[in-house]
Amino acid sequence: MNADAFPDWVNWLAQDADGALWGYEAEPNKQHDGWYENEVGRIVKLGHAAPPADWEATLRRRLH
């Protein structure tokens, strides 16, 4: 997925255990099988891919 196609406000990227790809404005919180917004900032679903082997390791800060 091309990071240049993401909205400019997306600062964090993560993938849930089911393969859903998300973009977050603020650093998300971890729940039992994925990530969720922390009531601060926006969130956008970016797509869906194969479930990752270790979803907890998918959280990345986006470098602009």
C-alpha atoms as a PDB file:
ATOM      1  CA  MET A   1       0.000   0.000   0.000  1.00  0.00           C
ATOM      2  CA  ASN A   2       1.330   3.401  -1.011  1.00  0.00           C
ATOM      3  CA  ALA A   3       1.675   5.688   2.026  1.00  0.00           C
ATOM      4  CA  ASP A   4       1.445   8.732  -0.267  1.00  0.00           C
ATOM      5  CA  ALA A   5      -2.216   7.823  -0.894  1.00  0.00           C
ATOM      6  CA  PHE A   6      -3.094   8.091   2.813  1.00  0.00           C
ATOM      7  CA  PRO A   7      -4.690  11.276   4.173  1.00  0.00           C
ATOM      8  CA  ASP A   8      -2.064  13.755   5.380  1.00  0.00           C
ATOM      9  CA  TRP A   9      -3.372  13.558   8.945  1.00  0.00           C
ATOM     10  CA  VAL A  10      -2.580   9.815   9.275  1.00  0.00           C
ATOM     11  CA  ASN A  11       0.343   9.580  11.708  1.00  0.00           C
ATOM     12  CA  TRP A  12       0.026   5.936  12.809  1.00  0.00           C
ATOM     13  CA  LEU A  13      -0.578   2.727  10.843  1.00  0.00           C
ATOM     14  CA  ALA A  14      -1.666  -0.615  12.285  1.00  0.00           C
ATOM     15  CA  GLN A  15      -3.217  -3.924  11.302  1.00  0.00           C
ATOM     16  CA  ASP A  16      -5.712  -5.883  13.407  1.00  0.00           C
ATOM     17  CA  ALA A  17      -5.574  -9.642  13.952  1.00  0.00           C
ATOM     18  CA  ASP A  18      -8.264 -10.105  11.272  1.00  0.00           C
ATOM     19  CA  GLY A  19      -6.173  -8.264   8.654  1.00  0.00           C
ATOM     20  CA  ALA A  20      -7.964  -4.877   8.709  1.00  0.00           C
ATOM     21  CA  LEU A  21      -5.539  -1.999   7.993  1.00  0.00           C
ATOM     22  CA  TRP A  22      -6.128   1.289   9.799  1.00  0.00           C
ATOM     23  CA  GLY A  23      -4.731   4.813   9.832  1.00  0.00           C
ATOM     24  CA  TYR A  24      -4.851   6.923  12.990  1.00  0.00           C
ATOM     25  CA  GLU A  25      -4.213  10.582  13.701  1.00  0.00           C
ATOM     26  CA  ALA A  26      -3.192   9.878  17.318  1.00  0.00           C
ATOM     27  CA  GLU A  27      -1.429   6.789  18.654  1.00  0.00           C
ATOM     28  CA  PRO A  28      -4.076   4.065  19.046  1.00  0.00           C
ATOM     29  CA  ASN A  29      -4.680   1.813  22.026  1.00  0.00           C
ATOM     30  CA  LYS A  30      -4.363  -1.968  21.937  1.00  0.00           C
ATOM     31  CA  GLN A  31      -7.308  -4.247  22.674  1.00  0.00           C
ATOM     32  CA  HIS A  32      -7.595  -8.052  22.741  1.00  0.00           C
ATOM     33  CA  ASP A  33      -7.397  -8.538  18.932  1.00  0.00           C
ATOM     34  CA  GLY A  34      -6.597  -5.182  17.384  1.00  0.00           C
ATOM     35  CA  TRP A  35      -6.241  -1.443  17.722  1.00  0.00           C
ATOM     36  CA  TYR A  36      -8.749   1.283  18.530  1.00  0.00           C
ATOM     37  CA  GLU A  37      -8.740   5.061  18.552  1.00  0.00           C
ATOM     38  CA  ASN A  38      -8.097   6.664  21.895  1.00  0.00           C
ATOM     39  CA  GLU A  39     -10.930   9.226  21.603  1.00  0.00           C
ATOM     40  CA  VAL A  40      -8.441  11.760  20.268  1.00  0.00           C
ATOM     41  CA  GLY A  41      -7.999  12.295  16.558  1.00  0.00           C
ATOM     42  CA  ARG A  42      -9.409  10.668  13.468  1.00  0.00           C
ATOM     43  CA  ILE A  43      -9.351   7.089  12.181  1.00  0.00           C
ATOM     44  CA  VAL A  44      -9.723   5.676   8.673  1.00  0.00           C
ATOM     45  CA  LYS A  45      -9.916   2.122   7.355  1.00  0.00           C
ATOM     46  CA  LEU A  46      -7.237   1.778   4.676  1.00  0.00           C
ATOM     47  CA  GLY A  47      -8.005  -1.717   3.462  1.00  0.00           C
ATOM     48  CA  HIS A  48      -7.778  -5.376   4.310  1.00  0.00           C
ATOM     49  CA  ALA A  49      -4.952  -7.882   3.849  1.00  0.00           C
ATOM     50  CA  ALA A  50      -3.988 -11.323   5.072  1.00  0.00           C
ATOM     51  CA  PRO A  51      -4.008 -11.534   8.873  1.00  0.00           C
ATOM     52  CA  PRO A  52      -0.518 -10.845  10.246  1.00  0.00           C
ATOM     53  CA  ALA A  53       1.396 -13.460  12.199  1.00  0.00           C
ATOM     54  CA  ASP A  54       1.886 -10.942  15.047  1.00  0.00           C
ATOM     55  CA  TRP A  55      -0.662  -8.135  14.847  1.00  0.00           C
ATOM     56  CA  GLU A  56       0.747  -6.505  17.998  1.00  0.00           C
ATOM     57  CA  ALA A  57       3.979  -5.784  16.104  1.00  0.00           C
ATOM     58  CA  THR A  58       2.233  -3.928  13.248  1.00  0.00           C
ATOM     59  CA  LEU A  59       1.863  -0.501  14.900  1.00  0.00           C
ATOM     60  CA  ARG A  60       4.109   1.985  13.090  1.00  0.00           C
ATOM     61  CA  ARG A  61       4.583   5.732  13.331  1.00  0.00           C
ATOM     62  CA  ARG A  62       4.299   7.265   9.880  1.00  0.00           C
ATOM     63  CA  LEU A  63       7.180   9.495   8.886  1.00  0.00           C
ATOM     64  CA  HIS A  64       5.978  12.386   6.745  1.00  0.00           C
END
